[in-house]
Amino acid sequence: QVQPVESGGGLVQAGGSLRLSCAASGINFSSWTMGWYRQAPGKQRDLVASITIGGSTNYADSVKGRFTISRDNAKNTVYLQMNSLKPEDTAVYYCNKVPHSPWAAWGQGTVVTVSS
C-alpha cells in the first residue's frame, strides 16, 4: 500500500529546532491540501499545520509562530520547520492530506522527543 514516508525526527533539547520531511512515490501530493499531524502518547492524532495547493498555510494555536509548513510540488515533498521546541511538542509526527480521507494510508511517522 502506498503511504507517505516521514523523516527528520529525533531527540532535541527544549528551544532547539528540527526539520521534518514527507515524501512518497505513487502519491501526487500536489493535488491536495497537505498537513502535518501529531500524536502524543495516550492522546488522539491532531492536525498542527496545513498548506493548500496555492501555498496558503494554517496552524494550530499551540505551534503558531514556531512552526512553518512548506511544500515543493516538483519534488512531491512537504516540510515542517520546527523552532523553539517545547517538551509538549513531543509526539509522533505524520503527514497526510487535509482533510484526511479513510482511503489515505498513514505512514510510520517520525518521532520527535523534546527534553526539558
Protein backbone atom coordinates (compact mmCIF):
# COMPACT_ATOMS: atom_id res chain seq x y z
CA GLN A 1 0.00 0.00 0.00
CA VAL A 2 1.39 3.39 -0.97
CA GLN A 3 1.94 5.60 2.02
CA PRO A 4 3.83 8.77 2.95
CA VAL A 5 7.34 8.47 4.37
CA GLU A 6 8.17 10.91 7.13
CA SER A 7 11.72 11.66 8.30
CA GLY A 8 13.76 14.16 10.27
CA GLY A 9 12.61 13.48 13.80
CA GLY A 10 14.93 12.99 16.73
CA LEU A 11 15.82 13.98 20.26
CA VAL A 12 16.35 17.68 20.88
CA GLN A 13 16.57 19.94 23.88
CA ALA A 14 13.89 22.49 24.60
CA GLY A 15 14.46 25.58 22.48
CA GLY A 16 16.02 23.57 19.68
CA SER A 17 14.93 23.05 16.10
CA LEU A 18 14.13 20.19 13.75
CA ARG A 19 13.06 19.99 10.12
CA LEU A 20 10.70 17.21 9.12
CA SER A 21 10.25 15.96 5.57
CA CYS A 22 7.48 13.92 3.96
CA ALA A 23 7.66 12.24 0.58
CA ALA A 24 6.08 9.34 -1.24
CA SER A 25 6.24 7.81 -4.65
CA GLY A 26 2.91 6.90 -6.17
CA ILE A 27 1.09 9.67 -4.34
CA ASN A 28 0.62 13.04 -6.03
CA PHE A 29 0.79 15.50 -3.12
CA SER A 30 0.42 18.44 -5.49
CA SER A 31 -3.27 17.69 -5.95
CA TRP A 32 -4.17 18.10 -2.27
CA THR A 33 -4.00 20.38 0.69
CA MET A 34 -1.38 18.67 2.85
CA GLY A 35 -0.80 18.77 6.56
CA TRP A 36 1.31 17.64 9.45
CA TYR A 37 -0.44 15.80 12.24
CA ARG A 38 0.96 14.67 15.57
CA GLN A 39 0.01 12.13 18.18
CA ALA A 40 1.39 12.33 21.69
CA PRO A 41 1.34 9.25 23.94
CA GLY A 42 -2.18 8.50 25.11
CA LYS A 43 -3.72 11.26 23.02
CA GLN A 44 -5.54 11.48 19.71
CA ARG A 45 -3.87 12.50 16.47
CA ASP A 46 -4.29 16.21 15.81
CA LEU A 47 -3.59 18.44 12.84
CA VAL A 48 -0.93 21.05 13.64
CA ALA A 49 -0.24 22.69 10.27
CA SER A 50 -1.64 22.64 6.76
CA ILE A 51 -0.76 24.11 3.38
CA THR A 52 -3.01 24.47 0.36
CA ILE A 53 -2.08 23.77 -3.25
CA GLY A 54 -1.51 27.50 -3.65
CA GLY A 55 0.67 27.78 -0.57
CA SER A 56 -1.70 29.26 1.99
CA THR A 57 -0.92 27.99 5.47
CA ASN A 58 -2.77 27.43 8.70
CA TYR A 59 -1.51 26.47 12.15
CA ALA A 60 -2.83 25.22 15.44
CA ASP A 61 -2.57 27.85 18.15
CA SER A 62 -0.10 25.69 20.06
CA VAL A 63 2.52 25.91 17.28
CA LYS A 64 1.73 29.25 15.68
CA GLY A 65 4.84 31.41 15.39
CA ARG A 66 7.16 28.45 15.99
CA PHE A 67 6.41 26.00 13.17
CA THR A 68 6.47 26.63 9.43
CA ILE A 69 4.98 24.29 6.86
CA SER A 70 6.12 24.40 3.24
CA ARG A 71 5.88 22.26 0.13
CA ASP A 72 7.85 21.57 -3.03
CA ASN A 73 5.38 20.23 -5.56
CA ALA A 74 8.14 19.47 -8.06
CA LYS A 75 9.72 17.13 -5.51
CA ASN A 76 6.37 15.93 -4.18
CA THR A 77 7.60 16.76 -0.70
CA VAL A 78 6.16 18.56 2.31
CA TYR A 79 8.28 20.04 5.10
CA LEU A 80 7.77 21.19 8.67
CA GLN A 81 10.35 23.51 10.19
CA MET A 82 10.01 23.41 13.97
CA ASN A 83 11.72 26.06 16.06
CA SER A 84 11.65 26.90 19.77
CA LEU A 85 10.60 23.35 20.53
CA LYS A 86 8.92 22.60 23.84
CA PRO A 87 8.57 19.33 25.77
CA GLU A 88 4.85 19.37 24.92
CA ASP A 89 5.77 19.07 21.23
CA THR A 90 6.94 15.52 21.93
CA ALA A 91 4.92 13.23 19.66
CA VAL A 92 4.93 11.08 16.57
CA TYR A 93 4.53 13.35 13.55
CA TYR A 94 2.72 12.27 10.40
CA CYS A 95 1.91 13.93 7.12
CA ASN A 96 -1.23 13.34 5.10
CA LYS A 97 -3.87 15.08 3.06
CA VAL A 98 -6.25 17.55 4.69
CA PRO A 99 -8.92 16.68 5.44
CA HIS A 100 -7.85 13.11 5.92
CA SER A 101 -9.73 10.52 3.87
CA PRO A 102 -10.28 6.93 5.07
CA TRP A 103 -8.52 5.58 1.97
CA ALA A 104 -5.38 7.67 2.57
CA ALA A 105 -2.89 5.40 4.33
CA TRP A 106 -0.86 6.70 7.24
CA GLY A 107 2.90 6.34 7.18
CA GLN A 108 5.06 5.19 10.07
CA GLY A 109 5.56 8.73 11.26
CA THR A 110 8.71 10.26 12.68
CA VAL A 111 9.32 10.54 16.42
CA VAL A 112 10.10 13.92 17.93
CA THR A 113 11.27 13.99 21.53
CA VAL A 114 11.94 17.30 23.26
CA SER A 115 13.76 17.15 26.56
CA SER A 116 13.44 19.84 29.20
